Amino acid sequence: MKAVLVAMHIVACQPDLLICKDLSDDGQRWTDVSHCDDERETRIGRERAHLPQWAVVMARCRYLITRDRRSLQLF
């Protein structure tokens, strides 16, 4: 049986949250959302160390589901 993997999406935003930038993905995956959540604050702190003091860093753990042949083309 194949497992559904979990990935962490991290963004850095301006203080007003109007402009955000995706931060690089290190490719690490988890098999459970709770395991990903356990590492979220550590990752946010690591990214925050390389950014200006005013930057807002946010992260969320999401299921990583790829499109298959049955998926409709969005664009």
N, C-alpha and C. Protein backbone atom coordinates (compact mmCIF):
# COMPACT_ATOMS: atom_id res chain seq x y z
N MET A 1 0.84 -1.19 0.00
CA MET A 1 0.00 0.00 0.00
C MET A 1 0.88 1.24 0.00
N LYS A 2 0.54 2.19 -0.84
CA LYS A 2 1.28 3.43 -0.90
C LYS A 2 0.82 4.37 0.22
N ALA A 3 1.76 5.15 0.76
CA ALA A 3 1.44 6.11 1.81
C ALA A 3 1.24 7.49 1.19
N VAL A 4 0.34 8.27 1.77
CA VAL A 4 0.18 9.66 1.38
C VAL A 4 1.17 10.46 2.20
N LEU A 5 2.05 11.17 1.53
CA LEU A 5 3.09 11.91 2.22
C LEU A 5 2.63 13.32 2.59
N VAL A 6 3.34 13.89 3.55
CA VAL A 6 3.05 15.23 4.04
C VAL A 6 4.26 16.11 3.76
N ALA A 7 4.02 17.31 3.25
CA ALA A 7 5.09 18.27 2.97
C ALA A 7 4.82 19.56 3.74
N MET A 8 5.90 20.30 4.01
CA MET A 8 5.77 21.58 4.70
C MET A 8 5.92 22.71 3.68
N HIS A 9 4.96 23.62 3.68
CA HIS A 9 5.01 24.79 2.80
C HIS A 9 5.38 25.98 3.68
N ILE A 10 6.48 26.66 3.33
CA ILE A 10 6.97 27.79 4.13
C ILE A 10 6.99 29.04 3.26
N VAL A 11 6.46 30.15 3.80
CA VAL A 11 6.48 31.43 3.09
C VAL A 11 7.02 32.52 4.00
N ALA A 12 7.62 33.52 3.37
CA ALA A 12 8.06 34.73 4.06
C ALA A 12 7.27 35.89 3.47
N CYS A 13 6.69 36.73 4.34
CA CYS A 13 5.82 37.81 3.89
C CYS A 13 6.26 39.15 4.44
N GLN A 14 5.80 40.19 3.75
CA GLN A 14 5.97 41.53 4.29
C GLN A 14 5.03 41.66 5.49
N PRO A 15 5.27 42.61 6.39
CA PRO A 15 4.43 42.73 7.60
C PRO A 15 2.94 42.86 7.33
N ASP A 16 2.56 43.46 6.21
CA ASP A 16 1.13 43.62 5.90
C ASP A 16 0.53 42.37 5.26
N LEU A 17 1.35 41.34 5.02
CA LEU A 17 0.96 40.05 4.44
C LEU A 17 0.42 40.14 3.01
N LEU A 18 0.64 41.29 2.35
CA LEU A 18 0.15 41.44 0.98
C LEU A 18 1.08 40.79 -0.04
N ILE A 19 2.37 40.77 0.25
CA ILE A 19 3.33 40.16 -0.66
C ILE A 19 4.09 39.08 0.09
N CYS A 20 4.03 37.86 -0.43
CA CYS A 20 4.70 36.72 0.18
C CYS A 20 5.56 36.02 -0.86
N LYS A 21 6.58 35.33 -0.38
CA LYS A 21 7.48 34.59 -1.26
C LYS A 21 7.62 33.17 -0.72
N ASP A 22 7.47 32.19 -1.59
CA ASP A 22 7.70 30.81 -1.20
C ASP A 22 9.17 30.62 -0.88
N LEU A 23 9.47 29.93 0.19
CA LEU A 23 10.85 29.62 0.54
C LEU A 23 11.17 28.23 0.00
N SER A 24 12.43 27.96 -0.18
CA SER A 24 12.85 26.71 -0.82
C SER A 24 12.40 25.49 -0.01
N ASP A 25 12.15 24.45 -0.73
CA ASP A 25 11.72 23.19 -0.15
C ASP A 25 12.93 22.26 -0.10
N ASP A 26 13.23 21.72 1.06
CA ASP A 26 14.38 20.83 1.19
C ASP A 26 14.06 19.40 0.78
N GLY A 27 12.82 19.14 0.42
CA GLY A 27 12.45 17.81 -0.06
C GLY A 27 12.11 16.81 1.03
N GLN A 28 12.14 17.23 2.28
CA GLN A 28 11.81 16.29 3.35
C GLN A 28 10.30 16.06 3.38
N ARG A 29 9.92 14.81 3.58
CA ARG A 29 8.51 14.42 3.63
C ARG A 29 8.28 13.60 4.88
N TRP A 30 7.05 13.62 5.37
CA TRP A 30 6.65 12.86 6.55
C TRP A 30 5.47 11.98 6.17
N THR A 31 5.23 10.98 6.98
CA THR A 31 4.08 10.10 6.73
C THR A 31 2.89 10.48 7.59
N ASP A 32 3.06 11.46 8.47
CA ASP A 32 1.98 11.88 9.36
C ASP A 32 2.07 13.38 9.58
N VAL A 33 0.93 14.06 9.58
CA VAL A 33 0.90 15.51 9.76
C VAL A 33 1.46 15.90 11.13
N SER A 34 1.22 15.11 12.15
CA SER A 34 1.71 15.46 13.48
C SER A 34 3.23 15.47 13.54
N HIS A 35 3.90 14.59 12.79
CA HIS A 35 5.36 14.59 12.75
C HIS A 35 5.88 15.85 12.07
N CYS A 36 5.19 16.28 11.04
CA CYS A 36 5.56 17.51 10.34
C CYS A 36 5.34 18.71 11.27
N ASP A 37 4.21 18.74 11.96
CA ASP A 37 3.92 19.84 12.89
C ASP A 37 4.97 19.95 13.99
N ASP A 38 5.52 18.81 14.42
CA ASP A 38 6.55 18.83 15.46
C ASP A 38 7.79 19.59 15.02
N GLU A 39 8.08 19.61 13.73
CA GLU A 39 9.27 20.28 13.22
C GLU A 39 9.01 21.69 12.69
N ARG A 40 7.76 22.10 12.68
CA ARG A 40 7.40 23.38 12.07
C ARG A 40 8.09 24.57 12.72
N GLU A 41 8.06 24.69 14.03
CA GLU A 41 8.67 25.84 14.71
C GLU A 41 10.19 25.88 14.50
N THR A 42 10.83 24.71 14.47
CA THR A 42 12.26 24.65 14.22
C THR A 42 12.59 25.18 12.84
N ARG A 43 11.81 24.78 11.85
CA ARG A 43 12.03 25.24 10.48
C ARG A 43 11.77 26.73 10.34
N ILE A 44 10.71 27.21 10.99
CA ILE A 44 10.41 28.64 10.93
C ILE A 44 11.57 29.44 11.52
N GLY A 45 12.09 29.00 12.65
CA GLY A 45 13.22 29.68 13.28
C GLY A 45 14.46 29.67 12.41
N ARG A 46 14.72 28.57 11.75
CA ARG A 46 15.88 28.47 10.86
C ARG A 46 15.75 29.44 9.69
N GLU A 47 14.57 29.53 9.10
CA GLU A 47 14.36 30.46 7.98
C GLU A 47 14.40 31.91 8.45
N ARG A 48 13.83 32.18 9.60
CA ARG A 48 13.80 33.53 10.14
C ARG A 48 15.20 34.09 10.37
N ALA A 49 16.16 33.23 10.68
CA ALA A 49 17.54 33.66 10.94
C ALA A 49 18.19 34.26 9.69
N HIS A 50 17.70 33.92 8.49
CA HIS A 50 18.29 34.40 7.24
C HIS A 50 17.50 35.55 6.62
N LEU A 51 16.49 36.04 7.31
CA LEU A 51 15.62 37.07 6.75
C LEU A 51 15.68 38.34 7.59
N PRO A 52 15.21 39.46 7.03
CA PRO A 52 15.16 40.70 7.81
C PRO A 52 14.25 40.54 9.04
N GLN A 53 14.49 41.35 10.03
CA GLN A 53 13.75 41.29 11.29
C GLN A 53 12.24 41.48 11.10
N TRP A 54 11.85 42.29 10.12
CA TRP A 54 10.45 42.62 9.91
C TRP A 54 9.67 41.51 9.18
N ALA A 55 10.36 40.54 8.59
CA ALA A 55 9.68 39.51 7.80
C ALA A 55 8.80 38.61 8.67
N VAL A 56 7.67 38.24 8.12
CA VAL A 56 6.74 37.32 8.78
C VAL A 56 6.91 35.96 8.10
N VAL A 57 7.26 34.95 8.86
CA VAL A 57 7.47 33.60 8.31
C VAL A 57 6.36 32.70 8.82
N MET A 58 5.73 32.00 7.89
CA MET A 58 4.64 31.09 8.24
C MET A 58 4.86 29.75 7.56
N ALA A 59 4.36 28.69 8.17
CA ALA A 59 4.49 27.36 7.60
C ALA A 59 3.22 26.56 7.87
N ARG A 60 2.96 25.62 6.98
CA ARG A 60 1.81 24.74 7.15
C ARG A 60 2.14 23.37 6.58
N CYS A 61 1.73 22.36 7.26
CA CYS A 61 1.93 20.99 6.80
C CYS A 61 0.69 20.55 6.03
N ARG A 62 0.91 20.06 4.83
CA ARG A 62 -0.20 19.67 3.96
C ARG A 62 0.07 18.30 3.35
N TYR A 63 -0.99 17.60 3.04
CA TYR A 63 -0.84 16.34 2.33
C TYR A 63 -0.32 16.62 0.92
N LEU A 64 0.62 15.82 0.48
CA LEU A 64 1.22 15.97 -0.84
C LEU A 64 0.58 14.95 -1.77
N ILE A 65 -0.32 15.43 -2.59
CA ILE A 65 -1.05 14.54 -3.50
C ILE A 65 -0.76 15.02 -4.91
N THR A 66 -0.13 14.17 -5.68
CA THR A 66 0.20 14.54 -7.05
C THR A 66 -0.97 14.27 -7.97
N ARG A 67 -0.97 14.95 -9.10
CA ARG A 67 -2.03 14.73 -10.08
C ARG A 67 -1.79 13.43 -10.81
N ASP A 68 -2.84 12.76 -11.16
CA ASP A 68 -2.72 11.55 -11.95
C ASP A 68 -3.39 11.77 -13.31
N ARG A 69 -3.43 10.72 -14.11
CA ARG A 69 -3.99 10.86 -15.46
C ARG A 69 -5.47 11.21 -15.46
N ARG A 70 -6.15 10.94 -14.36
CA ARG A 70 -7.59 11.21 -14.30
C ARG A 70 -7.90 12.64 -13.90
N SER A 71 -6.88 13.38 -13.42
CA SER A 71 -7.10 14.76 -12.97
C SER A 71 -7.35 15.67 -14.18
N LEU A 72 -8.23 16.62 -13.97
CA LEU A 72 -8.50 17.59 -15.04
C LEU A 72 -7.38 18.61 -15.10
N GLN A 73 -7.11 19.09 -16.31
CA GLN A 73 -6.10 20.12 -16.50
C GLN A 73 -6.70 21.45 -16.04
N LEU A 74 -6.02 22.15 -15.14
CA LEU A 74 -6.56 23.40 -14.62
C LEU A 74 -6.33 24.58 -15.54
N PHE A 75 -5.16 24.64 -16.14
CA PHE A 75 -4.83 25.78 -17.00
C PHE A 75 -4.29 25.27 -18.32
